[in-house]
């Protein structure tokens, strides 16, 4: 395991502990939004706690998880919690160490299934495209070439009457397929500035999913 990945996992563990503490404080209150994802979502709480604090937004990110892992806990962490909206950002780890399937078909199917189950339960859905992967991080991934296909697949699941689509590359991109250096720690995970950069997009997606 590379030093980059070890550092990311340590940060993810710290974020998980903080998420558990905040979830305990909010016990018994139905959240407005649940943010389901991997370490990119999990570390959002650590680096931009103000995005969640006092707003009934629950961070349900877990480091290292694939779309299949998220699908397996979707009932417990989303449907039983019954938020008004779920923000799903999945697929990065499918390309790192998971099994995305031919042309990322398995990962896309997992994301589509979660979106359909949320809709059936009356929960609005935001689907976030997997963020860009920096050139320095590409060698760590098993199938980085599938990222554009996966991102396009997520976009196709969205549209009129369906999930709201958000692509944080609009706020993060370095123009060369990666993330701007000051916004990432390792080409995949975000710095505090990175999370602040995507905040406005996330707020707009929430507003679109939950119109007054």
C-alpha atoms as a PDB file:
ATOM      1  CA  UNK A   1       0.000   0.000   0.000  1.00  0.00           C
ATOM      2  CA  UNK A   2       1.427   3.356  -1.013  1.00  0.00           C
ATOM      3  CA  UNK A   3       2.133   6.169   1.452  1.00  0.00           C
ATOM      4  CA  UNK A   4      -0.508   8.285  -0.306  1.00  0.00           C
ATOM      5  CA  UNK A   5      -3.191   5.674   0.286  1.00  0.00           C
ATOM      6  CA  UNK A   6      -2.111   5.130   3.918  1.00  0.00           C
ATOM      7  CA  UNK A   7      -2.379   8.862   4.606  1.00  0.00           C
ATOM      8  CA  UNK A   8      -5.797   8.984   2.962  1.00  0.00           C
ATOM      9  CA  UNK A   9      -7.046   6.072   5.066  1.00  0.00           C
ATOM     10  CA  UNK A  10      -5.789   7.681   8.291  1.00  0.00           C
ATOM     11  CA  UNK A  11      -7.616  10.886   7.418  1.00  0.00           C
ATOM     12  CA  UNK A  12     -10.709   8.857   6.581  1.00  0.00           C
ATOM     13  CA  UNK A  13     -10.637   7.198  10.004  1.00  0.00           C
ATOM     14  CA  UNK A  14     -10.461  10.561  11.760  1.00  0.00           C
ATOM     15  CA  UNK A  15     -13.376  11.802   9.686  1.00  0.00           C
ATOM     16  CA  UNK A  16     -15.367   8.652  10.506  1.00  0.00           C
ATOM     17  CA  UNK A  17     -14.947   9.212  14.238  1.00  0.00           C
ATOM     18  CA  UNK A  18     -16.117  12.807  13.875  1.00  0.00           C
ATOM     19  CA  UNK A  19     -19.081  11.714  11.747  1.00  0.00           C
ATOM     20  CA  UNK A  20     -20.146   9.207  14.390  1.00  0.00           C
ATOM     21  CA  UNK A  21     -19.976  11.915  17.068  1.00  0.00           C
ATOM     22  CA  UNK A  22     -22.080  14.318  15.033  1.00  0.00           C
ATOM     23  CA  UNK A  23     -24.569  11.588  14.153  1.00  0.00           C
ATOM     24  CA  UNK A  24     -24.910  10.791  17.871  1.00  0.00           C
ATOM     25  CA  UNK A  25     -25.685  14.434  18.639  1.00  0.00           C
ATOM     26  CA  UNK A  26     -28.337  14.459  15.917  1.00  0.00           C
ATOM     27  CA  UNK A  27     -29.890  11.142  17.008  1.00  0.00           C
ATOM     28  CA  UNK A  28     -33.650  11.105  16.719  1.00  0.00           C
ATOM     29  CA  UNK A  29     -33.842  13.946  14.220  1.00  0.00           C
ATOM     30  CA  UNK A  30     -34.663  13.038  10.654  1.00  0.00           C
ATOM     31  CA  UNK A  31     -31.960  14.503   8.407  1.00  0.00           C
ATOM     32  CA  UNK A  32     -32.890  16.611   5.436  1.00  0.00           C
ATOM     33  CA  UNK A  33     -30.019  15.167   3.420  1.00  0.00           C
ATOM     34  CA  UNK A  34     -27.739  12.141   3.573  1.00  0.00           C
ATOM     35  CA  UNK A  35     -24.418  12.286   1.720  1.00  0.00           C
ATOM     36  CA  UNK A  36     -23.478   8.744   0.708  1.00  0.00           C
ATOM     37  CA  UNK A  37     -20.031   8.054  -0.660  1.00  0.00           C
ATOM     38  CA  UNK A  38     -16.450   6.957  -0.121  1.00  0.00           C
ATOM     39  CA  UNK A  39     -13.512   8.784   1.502  1.00  0.00           C
ATOM     40  CA  UNK A  40     -14.027  11.840  -0.701  1.00  0.00           C
ATOM     41  CA  UNK A  41     -17.441  12.278   0.886  1.00  0.00           C
ATOM     42  CA  UNK A  42     -16.269  11.171   4.329  1.00  0.00           C
ATOM     43  CA  UNK A  43     -13.484  13.780   4.494  1.00  0.00           C
ATOM     44  CA  UNK A  44     -15.941  16.509   3.509  1.00  0.00           C
ATOM     45  CA  UNK A  45     -17.081  16.583   7.142  1.00  0.00           C
ATOM     46  CA  UNK A  46     -13.546  17.026   8.435  1.00  0.00           C
ATOM     47  CA  UNK A  47     -12.554  19.782   6.022  1.00  0.00           C
ATOM     48  CA  UNK A  48     -15.820  21.715   5.774  1.00  0.00           C
ATOM     49  CA  UNK A  49     -17.839  20.933   8.914  1.00  0.00           C
ATOM     50  CA  UNK A  50     -19.859  24.112   8.456  1.00  0.00           C
ATOM     51  CA  UNK A  51     -21.507  22.580   5.400  1.00  0.00           C
ATOM     52  CA  UNK A  52     -23.116  19.971   7.687  1.00  0.00           C
ATOM     53  CA  UNK A  53     -23.300  21.494  11.159  1.00  0.00           C
ATOM     54  CA  UNK A  54     -26.747  22.592  12.236  1.00  0.00           C
ATOM     55  CA  UNK A  55     -28.288  21.884   8.832  1.00  0.00           C
ATOM     56  CA  UNK A  56     -29.594  18.338   9.375  1.00  0.00           C
ATOM     57  CA  UNK A  57     -27.188  16.975   6.782  1.00  0.00           C
ATOM     58  CA  UNK A  58     -25.705  13.581   7.597  1.00  0.00           C
ATOM     59  CA  UNK A  59     -22.336  12.489   6.233  1.00  0.00           C
ATOM     60  CA  UNK A  60     -22.477   8.781   5.367  1.00  0.00           C
ATOM     61  CA  UNK A  61     -19.144   8.517   3.575  1.00  0.00           C
ATOM     62  CA  UNK A  62     -16.848   5.549   4.202  1.00  0.00           C
ATOM     63  CA  UNK A  63     -13.267   5.337   3.006  1.00  0.00           C
ATOM     64  CA  UNK A  64     -12.422   2.632   0.479  1.00  0.00           C
ATOM     65  CA  UNK A  65     -15.993   1.776  -0.457  1.00  0.00           C
ATOM     66  CA  UNK A  66     -17.098   0.833  -3.949  1.00  0.00           C
ATOM     67  CA  UNK A  67     -20.546   1.374  -5.408  1.00  0.00           C
ATOM     68  CA  UNK A  68     -21.353  -2.238  -4.455  1.00  0.00           C
ATOM     69  CA  UNK A  69     -20.430  -1.535  -0.823  1.00  0.00           C
ATOM     70  CA  UNK A  70     -22.696   1.517  -0.770  1.00  0.00           C
ATOM     71  CA  UNK A  71     -25.506  -0.429  -2.361  1.00  0.00           C
ATOM     72  CA  UNK A  72     -25.171  -3.101   0.345  1.00  0.00           C
ATOM     73  CA  UNK A  73     -25.695  -0.556   3.143  1.00  0.00           C
ATOM     74  CA  UNK A  74     -28.223   1.619   1.321  1.00  0.00           C
ATOM     75  CA  UNK A  75     -31.183   0.228   3.266  1.00  0.00           C
ATOM     76  CA  UNK A  76     -29.574   0.918   6.652  1.00  0.00           C
ATOM     77  CA  UNK A  77     -27.858   4.221   5.989  1.00  0.00           C
ATOM     78  CA  UNK A  78     -30.365   5.872   3.662  1.00  0.00           C
ATOM     79  CA  UNK A  79     -33.798   4.245   3.419  1.00  0.00           C
ATOM     80  CA  UNK A  80     -34.216   3.631   7.154  1.00  0.00           C
ATOM     81  CA  UNK A  81     -33.056   7.174   7.905  1.00  0.00           C
ATOM     82  CA  UNK A  82     -35.641   8.535   5.426  1.00  0.00           C
ATOM     83  CA  UNK A  83     -34.026  11.848   4.452  1.00  0.00           C
ATOM     84  CA  UNK A  84     -35.714  14.176   2.018  1.00  0.00           C
ATOM     85  CA  UNK A  85     -32.761  13.852  -0.364  1.00  0.00           C
ATOM     86  CA  UNK A  86     -29.735  11.605  -0.811  1.00  0.00           C
ATOM     87  CA  UNK A  87     -26.506  12.782  -2.463  1.00  0.00           C
ATOM     88  CA  UNK A  88     -24.694   9.800  -3.990  1.00  0.00           C
ATOM     89  CA  UNK A  89     -21.086  10.059  -5.166  1.00  0.00           C
ATOM     90  CA  UNK A  90     -19.769   6.620  -6.070  1.00  0.00           C
ATOM     91  CA  UNK A  91     -17.436   4.876  -8.475  1.00  0.00           C
ATOM     92  CA  UNK A  92     -13.926   6.118  -7.722  1.00  0.00           C
ATOM     93  CA  UNK A  93     -13.012   3.007  -5.748  1.00  0.00           C
ATOM     94  CA  UNK A  94     -14.598   0.748  -8.355  1.00  0.00           C
ATOM     95  CA  UNK A  95     -11.845   1.965 -10.653  1.00  0.00           C
ATOM     96  CA  UNK A  96      -9.187   1.719  -7.939  1.00  0.00           C
ATOM     97  CA  UNK A  97      -9.662  -1.777  -6.523  1.00  0.00           C
ATOM     98  CA  UNK A  98     -13.236  -2.862  -7.310  1.00  0.00           C
ATOM     99  CA  UNK A  99     -15.012  -4.534 -10.209  1.00  0.00           C
ATOM    100  CA  UNK A 100     -16.673  -1.834 -12.324  1.00  0.00           C
ATOM    101  CA  UNK A 101     -17.689  -4.325 -15.021  1.00  0.00           C
ATOM    102  CA  UNK A 102     -17.268  -4.011 -18.790  1.00  0.00           C
ATOM    103  CA  UNK A 103     -17.503  -0.338 -19.785  1.00  0.00           C
ATOM    104  CA  UNK A 104     -18.188   0.462 -16.115  1.00  0.00           C
ATOM    105  CA  UNK A 105     -21.574  -1.214 -16.505  1.00  0.00           C
ATOM    106  CA  UNK A 106     -21.618  -2.822 -13.059  1.00  0.00           C
ATOM    107  CA  UNK A 107     -20.773   0.407 -11.256  1.00  0.00           C
ATOM    108  CA  UNK A 108     -23.390   2.329 -13.245  1.00  0.00           C
ATOM    109  CA  UNK A 109     -25.986  -0.367 -12.491  1.00  0.00           C
ATOM    110  CA  UNK A 110     -25.242  -0.137  -8.756  1.00  0.00           C
ATOM    111  CA  UNK A 111     -25.697   3.629  -8.810  1.00  0.00           C
ATOM    112  CA  UNK A 112     -28.892   3.312 -10.864  1.00  0.00           C
ATOM    113  CA  UNK A 113     -30.283   0.784  -8.384  1.00  0.00           C
ATOM    114  CA  UNK A 114     -29.666   3.083  -5.415  1.00  0.00           C
ATOM    115  CA  UNK A 115     -31.292   5.986  -7.235  1.00  0.00           C
ATOM    116  CA  UNK A 116     -34.334   3.879  -8.116  1.00  0.00           C
ATOM    117  CA  UNK A 117     -34.744   2.597  -4.552  1.00  0.00           C
ATOM    118  CA  UNK A 118     -34.541   6.116  -3.175  1.00  0.00           C
ATOM    119  CA  UNK A 119     -37.110   7.394  -5.647  1.00  0.00           C
ATOM    120  CA  UNK A 120     -39.462   4.533  -4.791  1.00  0.00           C
ATOM    121  CA  UNK A 121     -39.183   5.561  -1.134  1.00  0.00           C
ATOM    122  CA  UNK A 122     -40.037   9.177  -1.932  1.00  0.00           C
ATOM    123  CA  UNK A 123     -36.471  10.413  -1.462  1.00  0.00           C
ATOM    124  CA  UNK A 124     -35.097  12.936  -3.951  1.00  0.00           C
ATOM    125  CA  UNK A 125     -31.755  11.998  -5.506  1.00  0.00           C
ATOM    126  CA  UNK A 126     -28.604  13.905  -6.404  1.00  0.00           C
ATOM    127  CA  UNK A 127     -26.031  11.959  -8.396  1.00  0.00           C
ATOM    128  CA  UNK A 128     -22.524  13.396  -8.323  1.00  0.00           C
ATOM    129  CA  UNK A 129     -20.140  12.342 -11.047  1.00  0.00           C
ATOM    130  CA  UNK A 130     -16.926  10.763  -9.736  1.00  0.00           C
ATOM    131  CA  UNK A 131     -14.411  13.639  -9.527  1.00  0.00           C
ATOM    132  CA  UNK A 132     -11.364  13.889 -11.778  1.00  0.00           C
ATOM    133  CA  UNK A 133      -8.233  11.865 -11.029  1.00  0.00           C
ATOM    134  CA  UNK A 134      -4.911  13.687 -11.167  1.00  0.00           C
ATOM    135  CA  UNK A 135      -2.097  12.369 -13.370  1.00  0.00           C
ATOM    136  CA  UNK A 136       0.010  11.600 -10.290  1.00  0.00           C
ATOM    137  CA  UNK A 137      -2.712   9.301  -8.921  1.00  0.00           C
ATOM    138  CA  UNK A 138      -3.620   7.507 -12.159  1.00  0.00           C
ATOM    139  CA  UNK A 139      -0.912   4.795 -11.731  1.00  0.00           C
ATOM    140  CA  UNK A 140      -2.534   3.777  -8.412  1.00  0.00           C
ATOM    141  CA  UNK A 141      -5.787   2.847 -10.130  1.00  0.00           C
ATOM    142  CA  UNK A 142      -6.635  -0.473 -11.715  1.00  0.00           C
ATOM    143  CA  UNK A 143      -8.888   0.901 -14.455  1.00  0.00           C
ATOM    144  CA  UNK A 144      -8.542   4.685 -14.652  1.00  0.00           C
ATOM    145  CA  UNK A 145      -9.430   4.674 -18.338  1.00  0.00           C
ATOM    146  CA  UNK A 146     -13.038   3.906 -17.453  1.00  0.00           C
ATOM    147  CA  UNK A 147     -13.490   7.193 -15.601  1.00  0.00           C
ATOM    148  CA  UNK A 148     -14.918   9.173 -18.575  1.00  0.00           C
ATOM    149  CA  UNK A 149     -17.311   6.310 -19.354  1.00  0.00           C
ATOM    150  CA  UNK A 150     -18.420   6.115 -15.721  1.00  0.00           C
ATOM    151  CA  UNK A 151     -18.913   9.861 -15.517  1.00  0.00           C
ATOM    152  CA  UNK A 152     -21.004   9.823 -18.711  1.00  0.00           C
ATOM    153  CA  UNK A 153     -23.025   6.897 -17.376  1.00  0.00           C
ATOM    154  CA  UNK A 154     -23.898   8.798 -14.214  1.00  0.00           C
ATOM    155  CA  UNK A 155     -24.953  11.802 -16.278  1.00  0.00           C
ATOM    156  CA  UNK A 156     -27.248   9.613 -18.397  1.00  0.00           C
ATOM    157  CA  UNK A 157     -29.105   8.473 -15.268  1.00  0.00           C
ATOM    158  CA  UNK A 158     -30.142  12.073 -14.646  1.00  0.00           C
ATOM    159  CA  UNK A 159     -32.519  14.384 -16.427  1.00  0.00           C
ATOM    160  CA  UNK A 160     -36.122  15.608 -16.361  1.00  0.00           C
ATOM    161  CA  UNK A 161     -38.070  13.716 -13.738  1.00  0.00           C
ATOM    162  CA  UNK A 162     -34.940  11.918 -12.572  1.00  0.00           C
ATOM    163  CA  UNK A 163     -31.998  12.575 -10.285  1.00  0.00           C
ATOM    164  CA  UNK A 164     -30.296  15.952 -10.168  1.00  0.00           C
ATOM    165  CA  UNK A 165     -26.826  15.771 -11.703  1.00  0.00           C
ATOM    166  CA  UNK A 166     -23.825  17.585 -10.253  1.00  0.00           C
ATOM    167  CA  UNK A 167     -20.287  17.455 -11.651  1.00  0.00           C
ATOM    168  CA  UNK A 168     -17.723  18.933  -9.287  1.00  0.00           C
ATOM    169  CA  UNK A 169     -15.126  18.946 -12.039  1.00  0.00           C
ATOM    170  CA  UNK A 170     -16.600  22.335 -12.928  1.00  0.00           C
ATOM    171  CA  UNK A 171     -15.104  23.697  -9.696  1.00  0.00           C
ATOM    172  CA  UNK A 172     -12.028  21.477  -9.422  1.00  0.00           C
ATOM    173  CA  UNK A 173     -10.643  20.888 -12.894  1.00  0.00           C
ATOM    174  CA  UNK A 174      -7.108  21.884 -13.813  1.00  0.00           C
ATOM    175  CA  UNK A 175      -8.064  21.848 -17.502  1.00  0.00           C
ATOM    176  CA  UNK A 176      -5.992  18.710 -18.132  1.00  0.00           C
ATOM    177  CA  UNK A 177      -8.326  16.083 -16.717  1.00  0.00           C
ATOM    178  CA  UNK A 178      -7.149  16.390 -13.122  1.00  0.00           C
ATOM    179  CA  UNK A 179      -7.745  18.564 -10.068  1.00  0.00           C
ATOM    180  CA  UNK A 180      -6.001  21.887  -9.485  1.00  0.00           C
ATOM    181  CA  UNK A 181      -2.967  21.335  -7.270  1.00  0.00           C
ATOM    182  CA  UNK A 182      -4.109  23.593  -4.455  1.00  0.00           C
ATOM    183  CA  UNK A 183      -7.451  21.759  -4.249  1.00  0.00           C
ATOM    184  CA  UNK A 184      -6.170  18.203  -3.778  1.00  0.00           C
ATOM    185  CA  UNK A 185      -3.900  16.350  -1.387  1.00  0.00           C
ATOM    186  CA  UNK A 186      -3.004  13.471  -3.687  1.00  0.00           C
ATOM    187  CA  UNK A 187      -4.789  13.872  -7.021  1.00  0.00           C
ATOM    188  CA  UNK A 188      -7.987  12.278  -5.674  1.00  0.00           C
ATOM    189  CA  UNK A 189      -8.860  13.630  -2.214  1.00  0.00           C
ATOM    190  CA  UNK A 190      -9.615  17.285  -1.626  1.00  0.00           C
ATOM    191  CA  UNK A 191      -8.024  19.898   0.566  1.00  0.00           C
ATOM    192  CA  UNK A 192     -10.050  22.267   2.711  1.00  0.00           C
ATOM    193  CA  UNK A 193      -9.959  24.686  -0.222  1.00  0.00           C
ATOM    194  CA  UNK A 194     -11.234  21.934  -2.496  1.00  0.00           C
ATOM    195  CA  UNK A 195     -14.300  21.306  -0.375  1.00  0.00           C
ATOM    196  CA  UNK A 196     -14.983  25.014  -0.141  1.00  0.00           C
ATOM    197  CA  UNK A 197     -14.679  25.181  -3.945  1.00  0.00           C
ATOM    198  CA  UNK A 198     -17.487  22.654  -4.449  1.00  0.00           C
ATOM    199  CA  UNK A 199     -19.778  24.021  -1.746  1.00  0.00           C
ATOM    200  CA  UNK A 200     -21.736  26.369  -4.018  1.00  0.00           C
ATOM    201  CA  UNK A 201     -22.397  23.590  -6.530  1.00  0.00           C
ATOM    202  CA  UNK A 202     -23.585  21.283  -3.758  1.00  0.00           C
ATOM    203  CA  UNK A 203     -25.926  23.946  -2.405  1.00  0.00           C
ATOM    204  CA  UNK A 204     -27.392  24.518  -5.873  1.00  0.00           C
ATOM    205  CA  UNK A 205     -27.926  20.781  -6.322  1.00  0.00           C
ATOM    206  CA  UNK A 206     -29.729  20.573  -2.983  1.00  0.00           C
ATOM    207  CA  UNK A 207     -31.927  23.528  -3.953  1.00  0.00           C
ATOM    208  CA  UNK A 208     -32.749  21.884  -7.293  1.00  0.00           C
ATOM    209  CA  UNK A 209     -33.617  18.567  -5.633  1.00  0.00           C
ATOM    210  CA  UNK A 210     -35.727  20.199  -2.911  1.00  0.00           C
ATOM    211  CA  UNK A 211     -37.553  23.115  -4.518  1.00  0.00           C
ATOM    212  CA  UNK A 212     -39.690  25.166  -2.169  1.00  0.00           C
END
